[in-house]
C-alpha atoms as a PDB file:
ATOM      1  CA  MET A   1     102.348  35.299  42.265  1.00  0.00           C
ATOM      2  CA  THR A   2     100.236  32.733  44.092  1.00  0.00           C
ATOM      3  CA  ASP A   3      97.647  30.669  42.267  1.00  0.00           C
ATOM      4  CA  ASP A   4      95.166  30.664  45.151  1.00  0.00           C
ATOM      5  CA  VAL A   5      94.241  32.899  48.034  1.00  0.00           C
ATOM      6  CA  ILE A   6      92.466  30.906  50.713  1.00  0.00           C
ATOM      7  CA  VAL A   7      90.755  32.641  53.640  1.00  0.00           C
ATOM      8  CA  LEU A   8      89.914  30.394  56.562  1.00  0.00           C
ATOM      9  CA  GLU A   9      88.116  31.017  59.814  1.00  0.00           C
ATOM     10  CA  PRO A  10      89.554  29.764  63.106  1.00  0.00           C
ATOM     11  CA  GLY A  11      87.887  26.474  63.911  1.00  0.00           C
ATOM     12  CA  ASP A  12      87.281  25.735  60.227  1.00  0.00           C
ATOM     13  CA  GLU A  13      88.079  22.096  59.401  1.00  0.00           C
ATOM     14  CA  ARG A  14      90.913  22.993  57.040  1.00  0.00           C
ATOM     15  CA  ALA A  15      92.326  25.536  59.508  1.00  0.00           C
ATOM     16  CA  GLN A  16      92.435  22.765  62.121  1.00  0.00           C
ATOM     17  CA  LYS A  17      94.234  20.444  59.684  1.00  0.00           C
ATOM     18  CA  ILE A  18      96.772  23.161  58.897  1.00  0.00           C
ATOM     19  CA  GLY A  19      97.277  23.835  62.617  1.00  0.00           C
ATOM     20  CA  LYS A  20      97.878  20.135  63.259  1.00  0.00           C
ATOM     21  CA  ALA A  21     100.199  19.791  60.260  1.00  0.00           C
ATOM     22  CA  ILE A  22     102.495  22.694  61.159  1.00  0.00           C
ATOM     23  CA  SER A  23     102.442  22.269  64.935  1.00  0.00           C
ATOM     24  CA  SER A  24     105.812  20.519  65.113  1.00  0.00           C
ATOM     25  CA  GLN A  25     109.321  21.733  64.371  1.00  0.00           C
ATOM     26  CA  THR A  26     109.855  18.831  61.965  1.00  0.00           C
ATOM     27  CA  ALA A  27     106.907  19.943  59.798  1.00  0.00           C
ATOM     28  CA  GLY A  28     108.306  23.481  59.773  1.00  0.00           C
ATOM     29  CA  ASP A  29     111.691  22.122  58.666  1.00  0.00           C
ATOM     30  CA  ILE A  30     110.036  20.112  55.876  1.00  0.00           C
ATOM     31  CA  LEU A  31     108.203  23.219  54.640  1.00  0.00           C
ATOM     32  CA  HIS A  32     111.430  25.234  54.767  1.00  0.00           C
ATOM     33  CA  ILE A  33     113.318  22.667  52.680  1.00  0.00           C
ATOM     34  CA  LEU A  34     110.449  22.363  50.169  1.00  0.00           C
ATOM     35  CA  SER A  35     110.400  26.145  49.802  1.00  0.00           C
ATOM     36  CA  GLN A  36     113.817  25.769  48.142  1.00  0.00           C
ATOM     37  CA  GLY A  37     112.479  23.309  45.578  1.00  0.00           C
ATOM     38  CA  PRO A  38     110.787  19.901  45.113  1.00  0.00           C
ATOM     39  CA  LYS A  39     112.262  16.941  46.992  1.00  0.00           C
ATOM     40  CA  THR A  40     111.651  13.215  47.309  1.00  0.00           C
ATOM     41  CA  ALA A  41     111.033  11.513  50.657  1.00  0.00           C
ATOM     42  CA  THR A  42     114.563  10.111  50.536  1.00  0.00           C
ATOM     43  CA  ASP A  43     115.986  13.604  49.968  1.00  0.00           C
ATOM     44  CA  LEU A  44     114.030  14.922  52.950  1.00  0.00           C
ATOM     45  CA  THR A  45     115.056  12.111  55.325  1.00  0.00           C
ATOM     46  CA  GLY A  46     118.703  12.635  54.368  1.00  0.00           C
ATOM     47  CA  LEU A  47     118.559  16.417  54.881  1.00  0.00           C
ATOM     48  CA  LEU A  48     116.632  16.213  58.161  1.00  0.00           C
ATOM     49  CA  SER A  49     118.260  13.033  59.534  1.00  0.00           C
ATOM     50  CA  ILE A  50     114.919  11.551  60.554  1.00  0.00           C
ATOM     51  CA  PRO A  51     113.419   8.078  60.014  1.00  0.00           C
ATOM     52  CA  MET A  52     111.203   7.481  56.987  1.00  0.00           C
ATOM     53  CA  GLY A  53     108.203   6.713  59.236  1.00  0.00           C
ATOM     54  CA  THR A  54     108.435  10.135  60.907  1.00  0.00           C
ATOM     55  CA  LEU A  55     108.722  11.851  57.548  1.00  0.00           C
ATOM     56  CA  LYS A  56     105.733   9.969  56.135  1.00  0.00           C
ATOM     57  CA  TYR A  57     103.605  11.027  59.131  1.00  0.00           C
ATOM     58  CA  HIS A  58     104.406  14.711  58.628  1.00  0.00           C
ATOM     59  CA  ILE A  59     104.151  14.582  54.838  1.00  0.00           C
ATOM     60  CA  ASP A  60     100.716  12.931  55.078  1.00  0.00           C
ATOM     61  CA  ASN A  61      99.536  15.691  57.451  1.00  0.00           C
ATOM     62  CA  LEU A  62     100.888  18.412  55.142  1.00  0.00           C
ATOM     63  CA  LEU A  63      99.254  16.767  52.109  1.00  0.00           C
ATOM     64  CA  GLU A  64      95.918  16.485  53.922  1.00  0.00           C
ATOM     65  CA  ALA A  65      96.119  20.136  54.995  1.00  0.00           C
ATOM     66  CA  GLY A  66      96.769  21.136  51.374  1.00  0.00           C
ATOM     67  CA  LEU A  67     100.106  22.811  52.086  1.00  0.00           C
ATOM     68  CA  VAL A  68     102.159  20.301  50.098  1.00  0.00           C
ATOM     69  CA  GLU A  69     101.383  18.489  46.867  1.00  0.00           C
ATOM     70  CA  ILE A  70     102.904  15.759  44.751  1.00  0.00           C
ATOM     71  CA  ALA A  71     104.731  17.481  41.905  1.00  0.00           C
ATOM     72  CA  GLU A  72     105.455  14.305  39.963  1.00  0.00           C
ATOM     73  CA  THR A  73     105.972  10.590  40.277  1.00  0.00           C
ATOM     74  CA  ARG A  74     109.223   8.993  39.164  1.00  0.00           C
ATOM     75  CA  TYR A  75     110.371   5.408  39.068  1.00  0.00           C
ATOM     76  CA  SER A  76     113.620   4.230  40.589  1.00  0.00           C
ATOM     77  CA  VAL A  77     116.091   1.894  38.889  1.00  0.00           C
ATOM     78  CA  LYS A  78     114.407  -0.963  40.715  1.00  0.00           C
ATOM     79  CA  GLY A  79     111.002   0.113  39.367  1.00  0.00           C
ATOM     80  CA  ARG A  80     109.698   1.508  42.661  1.00  0.00           C
ATOM     81  CA  GLU A  81     107.401   4.521  42.625  1.00  0.00           C
ATOM     82  CA  VAL A  82     109.083   7.672  43.968  1.00  0.00           C
ATOM     83  CA  LYS A  83     106.956  10.746  44.728  1.00  0.00           C
ATOM     84  CA  VAL A  84     108.387  14.235  44.443  1.00  0.00           C
ATOM     85  CA  TYR A  85     106.851  16.723  46.900  1.00  0.00           C
ATOM     86  CA  ARG A  86     106.607  20.495  46.606  1.00  0.00           C
ATOM     87  CA  LEU A  87     104.896  23.398  48.342  1.00  0.00           C
ATOM     88  CA  ARG A  88     101.549  24.462  46.922  1.00  0.00           C
ATOM     89  CA  ASP A  89     101.612  27.955  45.434  1.00  0.00           C
ATOM     90  CA  GLN A  90      98.975  29.595  47.602  1.00  0.00           C
ATOM     91  CA  LEU A  91      98.385  32.245  50.208  1.00  0.00           C
ATOM     92  CA  VAL A  92      96.524  31.014  53.291  1.00  0.00           C
ATOM     93  CA  ILE A  93      94.926  33.610  55.562  1.00  0.00           C
ATOM     94  CA  VAL A  94      93.310  32.599  58.831  1.00  0.00           C
ATOM     95  CA  ALA A  95      91.064  35.400  60.080  1.00  0.00           C
ATOM     96  CA  PRO A  96      87.909  35.542  62.158  1.00  0.00           C
ATOM     97  CA  LYS A  97      84.702  36.064  60.219  1.00  0.00           C
ATOM     98  CA  VAL A  98      83.218  39.375  61.268  1.00  0.00           C
ATOM     99  CA  THR A  99      79.891  39.912  59.625  1.00  0.00           C
ATOM    100  CA  SER A 100      77.288  42.046  61.263  1.00  0.00           C
ATOM    101  CA  ILE A 101      74.462  44.089  59.840  1.00  0.00           C
ATOM    102  CA  ARG A 102      76.484  47.189  60.766  1.00  0.00           C
ATOM    103  CA  SER A 103      79.460  46.090  58.631  1.00  0.00           C
ATOM    104  CA  ILE A 104      77.106  45.321  55.728  1.00  0.00           C
ATOM    105  CA  LEU A 105      75.495  48.759  56.043  1.00  0.00           C
ATOM    106  CA  LEU A 106      78.881  50.496  56.132  1.00  0.00           C
ATOM    107  CA  LYS A 107      80.060  48.564  53.077  1.00  0.00           C
ATOM    108  CA  TYR A 108      77.023  49.488  50.996  1.00  0.00           C
ATOM    109  CA  ALA A 109      76.863  53.059  52.307  1.00  0.00           C
ATOM    110  CA  SER A 110      80.326  53.585  50.851  1.00  0.00           C
ATOM    111  CA  LEU A 111      79.211  52.081  47.520  1.00  0.00           C
ATOM    112  CA  PHE A 112      76.174  54.377  47.521  1.00  0.00           C
ATOM    113  CA  ALA A 113      78.464  57.369  48.203  1.00  0.00           C
ATOM    114  CA  ILE A 114      80.529  56.375  45.157  1.00  0.00           C
ATOM    115  CA  VAL A 115      77.366  56.309  43.012  1.00  0.00           C
ATOM    116  CA  ILE A 116      76.430  59.801  44.276  1.00  0.00           C
ATOM    117  CA  LEU A 117      79.905  61.191  43.578  1.00  0.00           C
ATOM    118  CA  ALA A 118      79.967  59.639  40.097  1.00  0.00           C
ATOM    119  CA  SER A 119      76.529  61.144  39.356  1.00  0.00           C
ATOM    120  CA  LEU A 120      77.667  64.594  40.498  1.00  0.00           C
ATOM    121  CA  ALA A 121      80.824  64.282  38.394  1.00  0.00           C
ATOM    122  CA  MET A 122      78.719  63.365  35.352  1.00  0.00           C
ATOM    123  CA  LEU A 123      76.455  66.359  36.003  1.00  0.00           C
ATOM    124  CA  ALA A 124      79.497  68.639  36.070  1.00  0.00           C
ATOM    125  CA  ILE A 125      81.272  67.101  33.050  1.00  0.00           C
ATOM    126  CA  LEU A 126      78.402  66.464  30.606  1.00  0.00           C
ATOM    127  CA  PRO A 127      77.847  70.157  29.724  1.00  0.00           C
ATOM    128  CA  LEU A 128      81.459  70.315  28.514  1.00  0.00           C
ATOM    129  CA  PHE A 129      80.727  67.679  25.863  1.00  0.00           C
ATOM    130  CA  GLN A 130      77.486  69.172  24.612  1.00  0.00           C
ATOM    131  CA  ALA A 131      77.535  71.086  21.322  1.00  0.00           C
ATOM    132  CA  SER A 132      76.650  74.757  21.584  1.00  0.00           C
ATOM    133  CA  PRO A 133      74.014  76.146  19.158  1.00  0.00           C
ATOM    134  CA  ASP A 134      76.728  78.041  17.244  1.00  0.00           C
ATOM    135  CA  MET A 135      78.748  74.886  16.647  1.00  0.00           C
ATOM    136  CA  VAL A 136      75.935  73.006  14.917  1.00  0.00           C
ATOM    137  CA  ARG A 137      75.534  75.543  12.127  1.00  0.00           C
ATOM    138  CA  LEU A 138      77.175  74.749   8.814  1.00  0.00           C
ATOM    139  CA  PRO A 139      78.347  77.485   6.418  1.00  0.00           C
ATOM    140  CA  ALA A 140      76.742  77.549   2.974  1.00  0.00           C
ATOM    141  CA  PHE A 141      77.633  79.848   0.088  1.00  0.00           C
ATOM    142  CA  SER A 142      75.014  81.834  -1.835  1.00  0.00           C
ATOM    143  CA  GLU A 143      75.050  84.524  -4.530  1.00  0.00           C
ATOM    144  CA  ASN A 144      74.160  87.951  -3.219  1.00  0.00           C
ATOM    145  CA  GLY A 145      72.727  90.751  -5.328  1.00  0.00           C
ATOM    146  CA  ASN A 146      76.186  92.215  -6.129  1.00  0.00           C
ATOM    147  CA  GLY A 147      77.419  89.035  -7.806  1.00  0.00           C
ATOM    148  CA  GLY A 148      79.737  88.178  -4.900  1.00  0.00           C
ATOM    149  CA  ALA A 149      79.624  85.151  -2.732  1.00  0.00           C
ATOM    150  CA  GLY A 150      78.295  85.591   0.778  1.00  0.00           C
ATOM    151  CA  ILE A 151      78.123  83.195   3.719  1.00  0.00           C
ATOM    152  CA  LEU A 152      74.714  81.981   4.776  1.00  0.00           C
ATOM    153  CA  ALA A 153      74.524  80.070   8.066  1.00  0.00           C
ATOM    154  CA  GLU A 154      72.010  77.268   8.118  1.00  0.00           C
ATOM    155  CA  LYS A 155      71.323  74.670  10.756  1.00  0.00           C
ATOM    156  CA  ALA A 156      72.265  71.177   9.661  1.00  0.00           C
ATOM    157  CA  PRO A 157      69.259  68.923   9.220  1.00  0.00           C
ATOM    158  CA  GLY A 158      68.688  66.750  12.311  1.00  0.00           C
ATOM    159  CA  ALA A 159      71.415  68.539  14.297  1.00  0.00           C
ATOM    160  CA  GLU A 160      69.810  69.144  17.649  1.00  0.00           C
ATOM    161  CA  THR A 161      71.711  69.999  20.788  1.00  0.00           C
ATOM    162  CA  VAL A 162      71.194  68.137  23.998  1.00  0.00           C
ATOM    163  CA  GLY A 163      69.909  70.683  26.448  1.00  0.00           C
ATOM    164  CA  ALA A 164      70.528  70.852  30.167  1.00  0.00           C
ATOM    165  CA  GLY A 165      67.328  68.869  30.681  1.00  0.00           C
ATOM    166  CA  GLY A 166      68.747  65.968  28.620  1.00  0.00           C
ATOM    167  CA  ALA A 167      71.945  65.933  30.662  1.00  0.00           C
ATOM    168  CA  ILE A 168      69.994  65.882  33.911  1.00  0.00           C
ATOM    169  CA  THR A 169      67.841  63.029  32.622  1.00  0.00           C
ATOM    170  CA  LEU A 170      70.977  61.057  31.704  1.00  0.00           C
ATOM    171  CA  VAL A 171      72.509  61.649  35.154  1.00  0.00           C
ATOM    172  CA  GLN A 172      69.232  60.688  36.844  1.00  0.00           C
ATOM    173  CA  ALA A 173      69.138  57.450  34.865  1.00  0.00           C
ATOM    174  CA  PHE A 174      72.754  56.708  35.860  1.00  0.00           C
ATOM    175  CA  PHE A 175      72.051  57.500  39.516  1.00  0.00           C
ATOM    176  CA  LEU A 176      68.876  55.407  39.663  1.00  0.00           C
ATOM    177  CA  GLY A 177      70.579  52.478  37.923  1.00  0.00           C
ATOM    178  CA  GLY A 178      73.533  52.590  40.319  1.00  0.00           C
ATOM    179  CA  PHE A 179      71.213  52.992  43.307  1.00  0.00           C
ATOM    180  CA  MET A 180      69.145  49.958  42.266  1.00  0.00           C
ATOM    181  CA  VAL A 181      72.262  47.787  41.818  1.00  0.00           C
ATOM    182  CA  VAL A 182      73.614  48.783  45.255  1.00  0.00           C
ATOM    183  CA  LEU A 183      70.189  48.245  46.840  1.00  0.00           C
ATOM    184  CA  LEU A 184      69.798  44.775  45.303  1.00  0.00           C
ATOM    185  CA  LEU A 185      73.309  43.767  46.418  1.00  0.00           C
ATOM    186  CA  PHE A 186      72.591  45.046  49.925  1.00  0.00           C
ATOM    187  CA  LEU A 187      69.277  43.181  50.162  1.00  0.00           C
ATOM    188  CA  HIS A 188      70.890  39.972  48.908  1.00  0.00           C
ATOM    189  CA  GLU A 189      73.744  40.168  51.435  1.00  0.00           C
ATOM    190  CA  ALA A 190      71.394  41.128  54.279  1.00  0.00           C
ATOM    191  CA  TYR A 191      69.208  38.119  53.411  1.00  0.00           C
ATOM    192  CA  LYS A 192      72.258  35.799  53.439  1.00  0.00           C
ATOM    193  CA  TRP A 193      73.434  37.273  56.755  1.00  0.00           C
ATOM    194  CA  ARG A 194      69.991  36.796  58.325  1.00  0.00           C
ATOM    195  CA  LYS A 195      69.701  33.238  56.945  1.00  0.00           C
ATOM    196  CA  ASN A 196      73.128  32.268  58.341  1.00  0.00           C
ATOM    197  CA  LYS A 197      72.461  33.902  61.698  1.00  0.00           C
ATOM    198  CA  PHE A 198      69.138  32.170  62.378  1.00  0.00           C
END
């Protein structure tokens, strides 16, 4: 799984750097080799049969574009610094930014529809979880006149059922809360869209 998902717009500075970095066949070959595992510059020049100067040019472009990174730095027997390059674990998507007030309205209309459906589902389901008046009565034993034990049904103290009005109030509160959240999100995004447009 990739660490990052990066969405770029055409013309974006980083999109231009990526376009420049991967525009040649040599850069594509470097990326292909690095997809098989980290390599040093010497490894890459040997596999591609290209001069070190050409490799450095392409590696610098790929580093600047953020497609390649330095995995580690080693030291040769002679004490020279050797960089090991690898592909960055990321997904890069280049797509045009399409934001209009219509797309914002459609997005939040669907969220509002979800709030309505959830409210209706709550209205249908809540009565199933409410205690009926018969279920809140507790049996109690008492002596009847014949000396036998009889069952006397008494309502438990404080045991009140939630009526249909309570369920409707709960659903209304849920609906209004959801509606306010969707409305605030819509107003915030519409404000940002207007600010960026003008």
